């Protein structure tokens, strides 16, 4: 098991080094621990650099990231095999955000996590406005041709509620306190980016690794 070392030093103002606050925290900072229970990996699982995004489907700036910066990262780094992406839920906007997260994992049961994930952000309609509900979630499921009976059984049973709650608690434990937040890392260094920063911040963090 490789524990990612503590990073000490000054990183440019728009993003900063993330490091464990105690010996116990350092045990959490392995690649396998960081991505455990998250989304399926987008990209080459063997890519040396990982971007771990912590997000909320109702979050305004998460939506902006997915509609802009992520497209370039996908094209230049994920599709070329240099970087892999994992998404973890950090639902700050109440029960609707939790329900949306559960729905994405119900879609994963049918092999369509990322398609559903994209539908959620594509149909984003604000924070705490009521756009996340069973009718809209069914509509998104239909759009990507999910089996609605299986999808609704999963959602009604709250099959993935505990998984979402565990991700949220783990995020708090390692210092996540806002969405979107990103940990960009390899086996030597972790860089934390908070907020929907300009593309240049992500490019610089990748260059640092």
N, C-alpha and C. Protein backbone atom coordinates (compact mmCIF):
# COMPACT_ATOMS: atom_id res chain seq x y z
N UNK A 1 0.85 -1.19 0.00
CA UNK A 1 0.00 0.00 0.00
C UNK A 1 0.88 1.24 0.00
N UNK A 2 0.66 2.12 -0.97
CA UNK A 2 1.45 3.34 -1.06
C UNK A 2 0.70 4.47 -0.37
N UNK A 3 1.34 5.06 0.62
CA UNK A 3 0.77 6.23 1.28
C UNK A 3 1.38 7.46 0.64
N UNK A 4 0.54 8.36 0.16
CA UNK A 4 1.04 9.55 -0.51
C UNK A 4 1.67 10.46 0.54
N UNK A 5 2.93 10.85 0.32
CA UNK A 5 3.65 11.62 1.33
C UNK A 5 3.06 13.00 1.57
N UNK A 6 3.37 13.53 2.72
CA UNK A 6 2.99 14.90 3.03
C UNK A 6 3.75 15.84 2.11
N UNK A 7 3.05 16.84 1.62
CA UNK A 7 3.67 17.85 0.77
C UNK A 7 3.90 19.10 1.61
N UNK A 8 5.12 19.60 1.60
CA UNK A 8 5.42 20.83 2.33
C UNK A 8 5.96 21.83 1.32
N UNK A 9 5.46 23.03 1.35
CA UNK A 9 5.95 24.04 0.42
C UNK A 9 4.83 24.98 0.03
N UNK A 10 5.18 26.02 -0.66
CA UNK A 10 4.20 27.02 -1.06
C UNK A 10 3.80 26.74 -2.50
N UNK A 11 2.50 26.59 -2.70
CA UNK A 11 1.97 26.42 -4.04
C UNK A 11 1.22 27.70 -4.38
N UNK A 12 1.21 28.06 -5.64
CA UNK A 12 0.63 29.33 -6.08
C UNK A 12 -0.74 29.59 -5.49
N UNK A 13 -1.05 30.84 -5.24
CA UNK A 13 -2.22 31.24 -4.48
C UNK A 13 -3.55 30.62 -4.83
N UNK A 14 -3.83 30.33 -6.11
CA UNK A 14 -5.16 29.87 -6.46
C UNK A 14 -5.40 28.42 -6.08
N UNK A 15 -4.35 27.70 -5.78
CA UNK A 15 -4.56 26.35 -5.26
C UNK A 15 -3.46 26.05 -4.27
N UNK A 16 -3.64 25.01 -3.48
CA UNK A 16 -2.71 24.81 -2.38
C UNK A 16 -2.45 23.33 -2.16
N UNK A 17 -1.33 23.08 -1.50
CA UNK A 17 -1.00 21.69 -1.17
C UNK A 17 -1.95 21.20 -0.10
N UNK A 18 -2.37 19.96 -0.22
CA UNK A 18 -3.21 19.33 0.80
C UNK A 18 -2.38 18.27 1.47
N UNK A 19 -2.41 18.24 2.76
CA UNK A 19 -1.62 17.23 3.46
C UNK A 19 -2.31 16.84 4.75
N UNK A 20 -2.05 15.65 5.25
CA UNK A 20 -2.73 15.20 6.47
C UNK A 20 -2.34 16.03 7.68
N UNK A 21 -3.30 16.21 8.56
CA UNK A 21 -3.07 16.99 9.77
C UNK A 21 -2.51 16.13 10.91
N UNK A 22 -2.57 14.82 10.76
CA UNK A 22 -2.06 13.93 11.80
C UNK A 22 -1.64 12.62 11.18
N UNK A 23 -0.97 11.80 11.97
CA UNK A 23 -0.56 10.49 11.48
C UNK A 23 -1.75 9.65 11.07
N UNK A 24 -2.85 9.75 11.81
CA UNK A 24 -4.04 8.99 11.46
C UNK A 24 -4.58 9.41 10.11
N UNK A 25 -4.56 10.74 9.85
CA UNK A 25 -5.06 11.23 8.56
C UNK A 25 -4.24 10.67 7.41
N UNK A 26 -2.93 10.52 7.60
CA UNK A 26 -2.08 10.07 6.51
C UNK A 26 -2.46 8.67 6.05
N UNK A 27 -3.04 7.88 6.94
CA UNK A 27 -3.46 6.53 6.56
C UNK A 27 -4.63 6.57 5.58
N UNK A 28 -5.34 7.70 5.55
CA UNK A 28 -6.48 7.83 4.65
C UNK A 28 -6.03 8.18 3.24
N UNK A 29 -4.81 8.70 3.11
CA UNK A 29 -4.39 9.28 1.85
C UNK A 29 -3.65 8.29 0.96
N UNK A 30 -4.27 7.17 0.70
CA UNK A 30 -3.79 6.26 -0.33
C UNK A 30 -4.74 6.39 -1.50
N UNK A 31 -4.25 6.09 -2.69
CA UNK A 31 -5.13 6.20 -3.86
C UNK A 31 -6.37 5.35 -3.69
N UNK A 32 -6.19 4.11 -3.21
CA UNK A 32 -7.34 3.22 -3.09
C UNK A 32 -8.35 3.76 -2.08
N UNK A 33 -7.86 4.34 -0.97
CA UNK A 33 -8.78 4.89 0.03
C UNK A 33 -9.50 6.14 -0.50
N UNK A 34 -8.74 6.97 -1.22
CA UNK A 34 -9.33 8.21 -1.70
C UNK A 34 -10.46 7.97 -2.70
N UNK A 35 -10.29 6.98 -3.57
CA UNK A 35 -11.31 6.77 -4.61
C UNK A 35 -12.34 5.71 -4.24
N UNK A 36 -12.13 5.04 -3.10
CA UNK A 36 -13.04 3.97 -2.68
C UNK A 36 -14.48 4.47 -2.57
N UNK A 37 -15.41 3.67 -3.10
CA UNK A 37 -16.85 3.96 -3.06
C UNK A 37 -17.28 5.10 -3.97
N UNK A 38 -16.35 5.68 -4.72
CA UNK A 38 -16.72 6.76 -5.62
C UNK A 38 -17.29 6.24 -6.93
N UNK A 39 -17.31 7.11 -7.90
CA UNK A 39 -17.86 6.75 -9.21
C UNK A 39 -16.96 5.73 -9.90
N UNK A 40 -17.45 5.12 -10.99
CA UNK A 40 -16.54 4.37 -11.85
C UNK A 40 -15.45 5.31 -12.36
N UNK A 41 -14.30 4.78 -12.62
CA UNK A 41 -13.19 5.59 -13.13
C UNK A 41 -13.49 6.03 -14.56
N UNK A 42 -13.33 7.31 -14.83
CA UNK A 42 -13.38 7.81 -16.19
C UNK A 42 -11.96 7.90 -16.72
N UNK A 43 -11.67 7.20 -17.80
CA UNK A 43 -10.33 7.23 -18.36
C UNK A 43 -9.57 5.95 -18.09
N UNK A 44 -8.28 6.03 -18.29
CA UNK A 44 -7.40 4.88 -18.12
C UNK A 44 -7.16 4.63 -16.63
N UNK A 45 -7.59 3.47 -16.11
CA UNK A 45 -7.39 3.20 -14.68
C UNK A 45 -5.93 3.22 -14.26
N UNK A 46 -5.02 3.04 -15.22
CA UNK A 46 -3.59 3.02 -14.90
C UNK A 46 -2.94 4.39 -15.04
N UNK A 47 -3.70 5.41 -15.38
CA UNK A 47 -3.12 6.76 -15.51
C UNK A 47 -2.46 7.15 -14.20
N UNK A 48 -1.30 7.79 -14.30
CA UNK A 48 -0.52 8.09 -13.10
C UNK A 48 -1.09 9.25 -12.29
N UNK A 49 -1.90 10.09 -12.92
CA UNK A 49 -2.50 11.24 -12.23
C UNK A 49 -4.00 11.03 -12.11
N UNK A 50 -4.51 11.31 -10.92
CA UNK A 50 -5.95 11.19 -10.65
C UNK A 50 -6.52 12.55 -10.29
N UNK A 51 -7.67 12.87 -10.86
CA UNK A 51 -8.45 14.02 -10.39
C UNK A 51 -9.65 13.45 -9.65
N UNK A 52 -9.74 13.73 -8.38
CA UNK A 52 -10.88 13.31 -7.56
C UNK A 52 -11.74 14.54 -7.30
N UNK A 53 -12.91 14.55 -7.89
CA UNK A 53 -13.82 15.68 -7.72
C UNK A 53 -14.84 15.38 -6.63
N UNK A 54 -15.04 16.33 -5.74
CA UNK A 54 -16.11 16.26 -4.74
C UNK A 54 -17.18 17.26 -5.16
N UNK A 55 -18.40 16.75 -5.43
CA UNK A 55 -19.41 17.64 -5.97
C UNK A 55 -20.80 17.39 -5.43
N UNK A 56 -21.70 18.27 -5.82
CA UNK A 56 -23.11 18.25 -5.43
C UNK A 56 -23.89 18.58 -6.71
N UNK A 57 -24.87 17.77 -7.04
CA UNK A 57 -25.58 17.95 -8.31
C UNK A 57 -26.39 19.24 -8.38
N UNK A 58 -26.67 19.87 -7.24
CA UNK A 58 -27.37 21.15 -7.26
C UNK A 58 -26.42 22.35 -7.22
N UNK A 59 -25.16 22.10 -7.01
CA UNK A 59 -24.16 23.15 -6.82
C UNK A 59 -23.95 23.96 -8.11
N UNK A 60 -24.09 25.27 -8.01
CA UNK A 60 -23.94 26.15 -9.17
C UNK A 60 -22.58 26.03 -9.82
N UNK A 61 -21.53 26.06 -9.01
CA UNK A 61 -20.18 26.06 -9.58
C UNK A 61 -19.74 24.68 -10.03
N UNK A 62 -20.35 23.64 -9.47
CA UNK A 62 -20.12 22.29 -10.00
C UNK A 62 -20.68 22.20 -11.41
N UNK A 63 -21.87 22.74 -11.59
CA UNK A 63 -22.50 22.76 -12.92
C UNK A 63 -21.63 23.52 -13.91
N UNK A 64 -21.12 24.68 -13.51
CA UNK A 64 -20.28 25.47 -14.41
C UNK A 64 -19.01 24.72 -14.79
N UNK A 65 -18.41 24.02 -13.82
CA UNK A 65 -17.21 23.23 -14.12
C UNK A 65 -17.52 22.16 -15.16
N UNK A 66 -18.65 21.49 -15.00
CA UNK A 66 -19.00 20.40 -15.91
C UNK A 66 -19.38 20.89 -17.29
N UNK A 67 -19.81 22.13 -17.40
CA UNK A 67 -20.19 22.66 -18.71
C UNK A 67 -19.04 23.35 -19.43
N UNK A 68 -17.90 23.48 -18.78
CA UNK A 68 -16.80 24.22 -19.41
C UNK A 68 -15.46 23.52 -19.22
N UNK A 69 -14.84 23.74 -18.08
CA UNK A 69 -13.48 23.27 -17.84
C UNK A 69 -13.32 21.77 -18.04
N UNK A 70 -14.29 20.99 -17.59
CA UNK A 70 -14.16 19.54 -17.68
C UNK A 70 -14.03 19.07 -19.12
N UNK A 71 -14.67 19.76 -20.06
CA UNK A 71 -14.60 19.34 -21.46
C UNK A 71 -13.18 19.36 -21.98
N UNK A 72 -12.43 20.39 -21.62
CA UNK A 72 -11.03 20.48 -22.05
C UNK A 72 -10.18 19.43 -21.35
N UNK A 73 -10.41 19.23 -20.07
CA UNK A 73 -9.66 18.21 -19.33
C UNK A 73 -9.91 16.84 -19.92
N UNK A 74 -11.16 16.55 -20.27
CA UNK A 74 -11.49 15.27 -20.90
C UNK A 74 -10.71 15.10 -22.20
N UNK A 75 -10.79 16.11 -23.05
CA UNK A 75 -10.19 16.01 -24.39
C UNK A 75 -8.68 15.90 -24.34
N UNK A 76 -8.05 16.74 -23.52
CA UNK A 76 -6.59 16.83 -23.53
C UNK A 76 -5.89 15.83 -22.60
N UNK A 77 -6.57 15.39 -21.56
CA UNK A 77 -5.88 14.58 -20.56
C UNK A 77 -6.54 13.22 -20.29
N UNK A 78 -7.85 13.18 -20.21
CA UNK A 78 -8.51 11.90 -19.90
C UNK A 78 -8.55 10.99 -21.12
N UNK A 79 -8.98 11.53 -22.25
CA UNK A 79 -9.08 10.72 -23.46
C UNK A 79 -7.72 10.32 -24.01
N UNK A 80 -6.67 11.03 -23.62
CA UNK A 80 -5.31 10.68 -24.04
C UNK A 80 -4.62 9.74 -23.07
N UNK A 81 -5.30 9.38 -21.98
CA UNK A 81 -4.75 8.40 -21.04
C UNK A 81 -3.81 8.95 -20.00
N UNK A 82 -3.67 10.28 -19.93
CA UNK A 82 -2.73 10.88 -18.98
C UNK A 82 -3.32 11.03 -17.58
N UNK A 83 -4.64 11.19 -17.52
CA UNK A 83 -5.32 11.49 -16.26
C UNK A 83 -6.59 10.64 -16.18
N UNK A 84 -6.93 10.23 -14.98
CA UNK A 84 -8.24 9.60 -14.77
C UNK A 84 -9.05 10.46 -13.80
N UNK A 85 -10.36 10.34 -13.90
CA UNK A 85 -11.26 11.15 -13.08
C UNK A 85 -12.18 10.25 -12.26
N UNK A 86 -12.35 10.60 -11.00
CA UNK A 86 -13.32 9.94 -10.13
C UNK A 86 -14.16 11.02 -9.47
N UNK A 87 -15.47 10.79 -9.40
CA UNK A 87 -16.38 11.75 -8.76
C UNK A 87 -16.87 11.17 -7.44
N UNK A 88 -16.85 12.00 -6.41
CA UNK A 88 -17.43 11.62 -5.13
C UNK A 88 -18.46 12.66 -4.71
N UNK A 89 -19.53 12.17 -4.12
CA UNK A 89 -20.62 13.05 -3.73
C UNK A 89 -20.33 13.72 -2.39
N UNK A 90 -20.59 15.02 -2.36
CA UNK A 90 -20.48 15.80 -1.13
C UNK A 90 -21.72 16.69 -1.07
N UNK A 91 -22.87 16.09 -0.73
CA UNK A 91 -24.16 16.78 -0.85
C UNK A 91 -24.39 17.83 0.23
N UNK A 92 -24.17 19.08 -0.14
CA UNK A 92 -24.31 20.19 0.81
C UNK A 92 -25.68 20.85 0.74
N UNK A 93 -26.45 20.55 -0.30
CA UNK A 93 -27.70 21.27 -0.53
C UNK A 93 -28.94 20.49 -0.14
N UNK A 94 -28.80 19.61 0.84
CA UNK A 94 -29.97 18.96 1.40
C UNK A 94 -30.40 17.66 0.75
N UNK A 95 -31.60 17.20 1.09
CA UNK A 95 -32.08 15.88 0.67
C UNK A 95 -32.14 15.68 -0.85
N UNK A 96 -32.44 16.74 -1.60
CA UNK A 96 -32.51 16.58 -3.06
C UNK A 96 -31.15 16.23 -3.65
N UNK A 97 -30.09 16.80 -3.10
CA UNK A 97 -28.75 16.47 -3.57
C UNK A 97 -28.40 15.02 -3.25
N UNK A 98 -28.83 14.56 -2.09
CA UNK A 98 -28.60 13.17 -1.72
C UNK A 98 -29.36 12.25 -2.66
N UNK A 99 -30.61 12.59 -2.95
CA UNK A 99 -31.43 11.77 -3.84
C UNK A 99 -30.83 11.69 -5.24
N UNK A 100 -30.34 12.81 -5.75
CA UNK A 100 -29.70 12.81 -7.07
C UNK A 100 -28.48 11.91 -7.08
N UNK A 101 -27.70 11.96 -6.01
CA UNK A 101 -26.52 11.11 -5.91
C UNK A 101 -26.92 9.64 -5.89
N UNK A 102 -27.96 9.31 -5.12
CA UNK A 102 -28.44 7.93 -5.09
C UNK A 102 -28.86 7.48 -6.49
N UNK A 103 -29.53 8.36 -7.21
CA UNK A 103 -30.02 8.02 -8.55
C UNK A 103 -28.87 7.68 -9.50
N UNK A 104 -27.77 8.42 -9.39
CA UNK A 104 -26.62 8.14 -10.25
C UNK A 104 -26.07 6.74 -10.00
N UNK A 105 -26.05 6.32 -8.75
CA UNK A 105 -25.55 4.97 -8.45
C UNK A 105 -26.55 3.90 -8.85
N UNK A 106 -27.84 4.24 -8.83
CA UNK A 106 -28.83 3.30 -9.37
C UNK A 106 -28.62 3.13 -10.88
N UNK A 107 -28.25 4.21 -11.55
CA UNK A 107 -27.92 4.11 -12.98
C UNK A 107 -26.67 3.28 -13.19
N UNK A 108 -25.73 3.38 -12.26
CA UNK A 108 -24.51 2.57 -12.35
C UNK A 108 -24.84 1.08 -12.35
N UNK A 109 -25.89 0.68 -11.63
CA UNK A 109 -26.30 -0.72 -11.62
C UNK A 109 -26.60 -1.22 -13.03
N UNK A 110 -26.98 -0.31 -13.91
CA UNK A 110 -27.29 -0.67 -15.29
C UNK A 110 -26.18 -0.24 -16.24
N UNK A 111 -25.01 0.05 -15.68
CA UNK A 111 -23.84 0.35 -16.50
C UNK A 111 -23.84 1.74 -17.11
N UNK A 112 -24.63 2.67 -16.54
CA UNK A 112 -24.75 3.99 -17.17
C UNK A 112 -24.56 5.12 -16.16
N UNK A 113 -23.58 4.96 -15.28
CA UNK A 113 -23.34 6.01 -14.28
C UNK A 113 -23.04 7.35 -14.93
N UNK A 114 -22.03 7.37 -15.80
CA UNK A 114 -21.58 8.65 -16.34
C UNK A 114 -22.63 9.30 -17.23
N UNK A 115 -23.40 8.47 -17.95
CA UNK A 115 -24.48 9.04 -18.77
C UNK A 115 -25.50 9.75 -17.88
N UNK A 116 -25.83 9.12 -16.75
CA UNK A 116 -26.82 9.72 -15.85
C UNK A 116 -26.23 10.96 -15.15
N UNK A 117 -25.01 10.84 -14.73
CA UNK A 117 -24.28 11.96 -14.13
C UNK A 117 -24.35 13.18 -15.05
N UNK A 118 -24.08 12.95 -16.34
CA UNK A 118 -24.11 14.06 -17.30
C UNK A 118 -25.51 14.62 -17.47
N UNK A 119 -26.52 13.76 -17.45
CA UNK A 119 -27.91 14.23 -17.57
C UNK A 119 -28.27 15.14 -16.40
N UNK A 120 -27.81 14.79 -15.21
CA UNK A 120 -28.10 15.62 -14.05
C UNK A 120 -27.53 17.02 -14.22
N UNK A 121 -26.27 17.10 -14.63
CA UNK A 121 -25.68 18.42 -14.80
C UNK A 121 -26.23 19.15 -16.02
N UNK A 122 -26.57 18.40 -17.07
CA UNK A 122 -27.13 19.01 -18.27
C UNK A 122 -28.48 19.67 -17.97
N UNK A 123 -29.22 19.09 -17.03
CA UNK A 123 -30.56 19.59 -16.70
C UNK A 123 -30.60 20.39 -15.41
N UNK A 124 -29.44 20.80 -14.95
CA UNK A 124 -29.34 21.59 -13.71
C UNK A 124 -30.26 22.81 -13.79
N UNK A 125 -30.95 23.09 -12.69
CA UNK A 125 -31.88 24.23 -12.68
C UNK A 125 -31.84 24.98 -11.37
N UNK A 126 -30.63 25.10 -10.81
CA UNK A 126 -30.47 25.91 -9.61
C UNK A 126 -30.32 25.10 -8.34
N UNK A 127 -30.07 25.83 -7.26
CA UNK A 127 -29.89 25.22 -5.95
C UNK A 127 -31.19 25.31 -5.15
N UNK A 128 -31.65 24.15 -4.68
CA UNK A 128 -32.84 24.07 -3.82
C UNK A 128 -34.08 24.69 -4.49
N UNK A 129 -34.22 24.43 -5.79
CA UNK A 129 -35.38 24.95 -6.52
C UNK A 129 -36.43 23.88 -6.77
N UNK A 130 -36.16 22.64 -6.37
CA UNK A 130 -37.12 21.56 -6.53
C UNK A 130 -37.00 20.79 -7.83
N UNK A 131 -35.98 21.11 -8.63
CA UNK A 131 -35.87 20.42 -9.93
C UNK A 131 -35.48 18.95 -9.78
N UNK A 132 -34.87 18.60 -8.65
CA UNK A 132 -34.56 17.19 -8.39
C UNK A 132 -35.76 16.58 -7.67
N UNK A 133 -36.47 15.71 -8.36
CA UNK A 133 -37.61 15.01 -7.79
C UNK A 133 -37.78 13.69 -8.53
N UNK A 134 -38.68 12.87 -8.08
CA UNK A 134 -38.81 11.54 -8.69
C UNK A 134 -39.20 11.62 -10.16
N UNK A 135 -40.04 12.59 -10.51
CA UNK A 135 -40.44 12.71 -11.92
C UNK A 135 -39.26 13.08 -12.81
N UNK A 136 -38.47 14.06 -12.37
CA UNK A 136 -37.33 14.47 -13.19
C UNK A 136 -36.28 13.37 -13.25
N UNK A 137 -36.07 12.68 -12.14
CA UNK A 137 -35.08 11.60 -12.14
C UNK A 137 -35.52 10.47 -13.06
N UNK A 138 -36.82 10.19 -13.10
CA UNK A 138 -37.33 9.19 -14.04
C UNK A 138 -37.14 9.66 -15.49
N UNK A 139 -37.37 10.94 -15.72
CA UNK A 139 -37.20 11.49 -17.07
C UNK A 139 -35.76 11.32 -17.54
N UNK A 140 -34.80 11.62 -16.66
CA UNK A 140 -33.39 11.46 -17.03
C UNK A 140 -33.08 9.99 -17.30
N UNK A 141 -33.66 9.11 -16.49
CA UNK A 141 -33.44 7.67 -16.68
C UNK A 141 -33.98 7.21 -18.03
N UNK A 142 -35.14 7.73 -18.40
CA UNK A 142 -35.73 7.38 -19.69
C UNK A 142 -34.87 7.89 -20.84
N UNK A 143 -34.33 9.09 -20.69
CA UNK A 143 -33.50 9.69 -21.74
C UNK A 143 -32.31 8.80 -22.09
N UNK A 144 -31.74 8.14 -21.08
CA UNK A 144 -30.57 7.29 -21.35
C UNK A 144 -30.94 5.81 -21.40
N UNK A 145 -32.23 5.55 -21.55
CA UNK A 145 -32.74 4.19 -21.79
C UNK A 145 -32.47 3.21 -20.65
N UNK A 146 -32.67 3.67 -19.43
CA UNK A 146 -32.58 2.75 -18.29
C UNK A 146 -33.88 1.96 -18.17
N UNK A 147 -33.79 0.80 -17.55
CA UNK A 147 -34.98 0.04 -17.18
C UNK A 147 -35.61 0.76 -15.98
N UNK A 148 -36.75 1.40 -16.20
CA UNK A 148 -37.35 2.24 -15.15
C UNK A 148 -37.78 1.45 -13.93
N UNK A 149 -38.25 0.25 -14.13
CA UNK A 149 -38.68 -0.56 -12.98
C UNK A 149 -37.50 -0.84 -12.06
N UNK A 150 -36.38 -1.25 -12.64
CA UNK A 150 -35.19 -1.52 -11.84
C UNK A 150 -34.66 -0.24 -11.20
N UNK A 151 -34.67 0.83 -11.97
CA UNK A 151 -34.17 2.11 -11.47
C UNK A 151 -34.99 2.57 -10.26
N UNK A 152 -36.31 2.52 -10.39
CA UNK A 152 -37.17 3.00 -9.30
C UNK A 152 -37.14 2.08 -8.09
N UNK A 153 -36.99 0.80 -8.32
CA UNK A 153 -36.85 -0.11 -7.19
C UNK A 153 -35.61 0.23 -6.38
N UNK A 154 -34.52 0.48 -7.09
CA UNK A 154 -33.26 0.86 -6.43
C UNK A 154 -33.43 2.18 -5.67
N UNK A 155 -34.06 3.15 -6.32
CA UNK A 155 -34.20 4.48 -5.72
C UNK A 155 -35.15 4.44 -4.53
N UNK A 156 -36.27 3.75 -4.68
CA UNK A 156 -37.25 3.68 -3.60
C UNK A 156 -36.72 2.93 -2.38
N UNK A 157 -35.83 1.96 -2.62
CA UNK A 157 -35.22 1.21 -1.52
C UNK A 157 -34.05 1.96 -0.89
N UNK A 158 -33.68 3.10 -1.47
CA UNK A 158 -32.52 3.86 -1.01
C UNK A 158 -31.29 2.95 -0.88
N UNK A 159 -31.09 2.18 -1.92
CA UNK A 159 -30.01 1.20 -1.94
C UNK A 159 -28.65 1.84 -1.68
N UNK A 160 -28.45 3.07 -2.16
CA UNK A 160 -27.13 3.68 -2.08
C UNK A 160 -27.06 4.87 -1.11
N UNK A 161 -28.06 5.02 -0.27
CA UNK A 161 -28.05 6.12 0.69
C UNK A 161 -26.85 6.06 1.61
N UNK A 162 -26.55 4.89 2.14
CA UNK A 162 -25.42 4.75 3.06
C UNK A 162 -24.11 5.05 2.35
N UNK A 163 -24.00 4.63 1.10
CA UNK A 163 -22.78 4.90 0.33
C UNK A 163 -22.57 6.41 0.19
N UNK A 164 -23.62 7.14 -0.13
CA UNK A 164 -23.52 8.59 -0.28
C UNK A 164 -23.16 9.23 1.06
N UNK A 165 -23.79 8.80 2.13
CA UNK A 165 -23.48 9.35 3.45
C UNK A 165 -22.05 9.07 3.86
N UNK A 166 -21.55 7.89 3.54
CA UNK A 166 -20.17 7.54 3.88
C UNK A 166 -19.19 8.43 3.13
N UNK A 167 -19.48 8.72 1.86
CA UNK A 167 -18.60 9.60 1.09
C UNK A 167 -18.55 10.99 1.71
N UNK A 168 -19.71 11.47 2.12
CA UNK A 168 -19.78 12.80 2.73
C UNK A 168 -18.95 12.85 4.02
N UNK A 169 -19.09 11.85 4.86
CA UNK A 169 -18.35 11.81 6.12
C UNK A 169 -16.85 11.68 5.87
N UNK A 170 -16.47 10.86 4.89
CA UNK A 170 -15.05 10.71 4.57
C UNK A 170 -14.49 12.04 4.06
N UNK A 171 -15.25 12.72 3.22
CA UNK A 171 -14.80 14.01 2.72
C UNK A 171 -14.53 14.99 3.85
N UNK A 172 -15.45 15.07 4.80
CA UNK A 172 -15.25 15.97 5.94
C UNK A 172 -13.99 15.59 6.71
N UNK A 173 -13.77 14.29 6.84
CA UNK A 173 -12.63 13.81 7.63
C UNK A 173 -11.29 14.24 7.02
N UNK A 174 -11.25 14.35 5.70
CA UNK A 174 -9.98 14.73 5.06
C UNK A 174 -9.93 16.20 4.65
N UNK A 175 -10.89 16.98 5.14
CA UNK A 175 -10.79 18.42 4.96
C UNK A 175 -11.60 19.02 3.83
N UNK A 176 -12.49 18.25 3.22
CA UNK A 176 -13.36 18.81 2.19
C UNK A 176 -14.48 19.59 2.88
N UNK A 177 -14.70 20.83 2.44
CA UNK A 177 -15.73 21.64 3.09
C UNK A 177 -16.51 22.51 2.11
N UNK A 178 -16.31 22.30 0.81
CA UNK A 178 -17.00 23.10 -0.20
C UNK A 178 -17.08 22.31 -1.49
N UNK A 179 -18.02 22.70 -2.35
CA UNK A 179 -18.12 22.08 -3.67
C UNK A 179 -18.10 23.17 -4.75
N UNK A 180 -17.45 22.87 -5.89
CA UNK A 180 -16.65 21.66 -6.08
C UNK A 180 -15.30 21.80 -5.40
N UNK A 181 -14.76 20.68 -4.96
CA UNK A 181 -13.38 20.61 -4.50
C UNK A 181 -12.71 19.47 -5.25
N UNK A 182 -11.42 19.60 -5.46
CA UNK A 182 -10.68 18.61 -6.24
C UNK A 182 -9.39 18.24 -5.53
N UNK A 183 -9.07 16.97 -5.55
CA UNK A 183 -7.75 16.51 -5.16
C UNK A 183 -7.10 15.98 -6.42
N UNK A 184 -6.01 16.60 -6.82
CA UNK A 184 -5.26 16.18 -8.00
C UNK A 184 -3.97 15.57 -7.49
N UNK A 185 -3.73 14.30 -7.81
CA UNK A 185 -2.61 13.64 -7.14
C UNK A 185 -1.99 12.53 -7.97
N UNK A 186 -0.74 12.23 -7.58
CA UNK A 186 -0.06 11.01 -8.03
C UNK A 186 0.45 10.32 -6.77
N UNK A 187 1.47 9.48 -6.91
CA UNK A 187 1.98 8.76 -5.74
C UNK A 187 2.91 9.60 -4.87
N UNK A 188 3.13 10.86 -5.25
CA UNK A 188 4.08 11.68 -4.51
C UNK A 188 3.47 12.93 -3.90
N UNK A 189 2.41 13.41 -4.47
CA UNK A 189 1.90 14.71 -4.05
C UNK A 189 0.39 14.79 -4.26
N UNK A 190 -0.27 15.52 -3.38
CA UNK A 190 -1.68 15.84 -3.54
C UNK A 190 -1.81 17.36 -3.61
N UNK A 191 -2.56 17.83 -4.59
CA UNK A 191 -2.86 19.26 -4.69
C UNK A 191 -4.37 19.42 -4.56
N UNK A 192 -4.78 20.29 -3.68
CA UNK A 192 -6.21 20.56 -3.49
C UNK A 192 -6.60 21.84 -4.22
N UNK A 193 -7.67 21.77 -4.98
CA UNK A 193 -8.23 22.93 -5.66
C UNK A 193 -9.64 23.11 -5.13
N UNK A 194 -9.96 24.31 -4.69
CA UNK A 194 -11.29 24.59 -4.18
C UNK A 194 -12.02 25.54 -5.11
N UNK A 195 -13.20 25.15 -5.53
CA UNK A 195 -14.02 26.00 -6.38
C UNK A 195 -13.81 25.75 -7.86
N UNK A 196 -14.64 26.37 -8.67
CA UNK A 196 -14.54 26.24 -10.13
C UNK A 196 -13.48 27.20 -10.63
N UNK A 197 -12.24 26.82 -10.42
CA UNK A 197 -11.12 27.67 -10.80
C UNK A 197 -10.92 27.66 -12.32
N UNK A 198 -10.23 28.66 -12.86
CA UNK A 198 -9.95 28.68 -14.30
C UNK A 198 -9.18 27.44 -14.74
N UNK A 199 -9.31 27.10 -16.00
CA UNK A 199 -8.62 25.94 -16.55
C UNK A 199 -7.13 25.97 -16.24
N UNK A 200 -6.53 27.16 -16.27
CA UNK A 200 -5.09 27.28 -16.05
C UNK A 200 -4.66 26.72 -14.70
N UNK A 201 -5.52 26.80 -13.71
CA UNK A 201 -5.19 26.26 -12.39
C UNK A 201 -5.07 24.75 -12.45
N UNK A 202 -5.97 24.11 -13.17
CA UNK A 202 -5.91 22.65 -13.32
C UNK A 202 -4.69 22.24 -14.14
N UNK A 203 -4.39 23.00 -15.19
CA UNK A 203 -3.22 22.68 -16.01
C UNK A 203 -1.94 22.80 -15.19
N UNK A 204 -1.87 23.83 -14.36
CA UNK A 204 -0.67 24.01 -13.55
C UNK A 204 -0.54 22.91 -12.51
N UNK A 205 -1.65 22.49 -11.93
CA UNK A 205 -1.59 21.43 -10.93
C UNK A 205 -1.14 20.12 -11.56
N UNK A 206 -1.60 19.84 -12.78
CA UNK A 206 -1.16 18.63 -13.48
C UNK A 206 0.33 18.72 -13.79
N UNK A 207 0.79 19.90 -14.19
CA UNK A 207 2.22 20.09 -14.46
C UNK A 207 3.07 19.91 -13.22
N UNK A 208 2.51 20.21 -12.05
CA UNK A 208 3.26 20.09 -10.79
C UNK A 208 3.54 18.63 -10.44
N UNK A 209 2.76 17.70 -11.01
CA UNK A 209 2.85 16.30 -10.60
C UNK A 209 3.76 15.51 -11.52
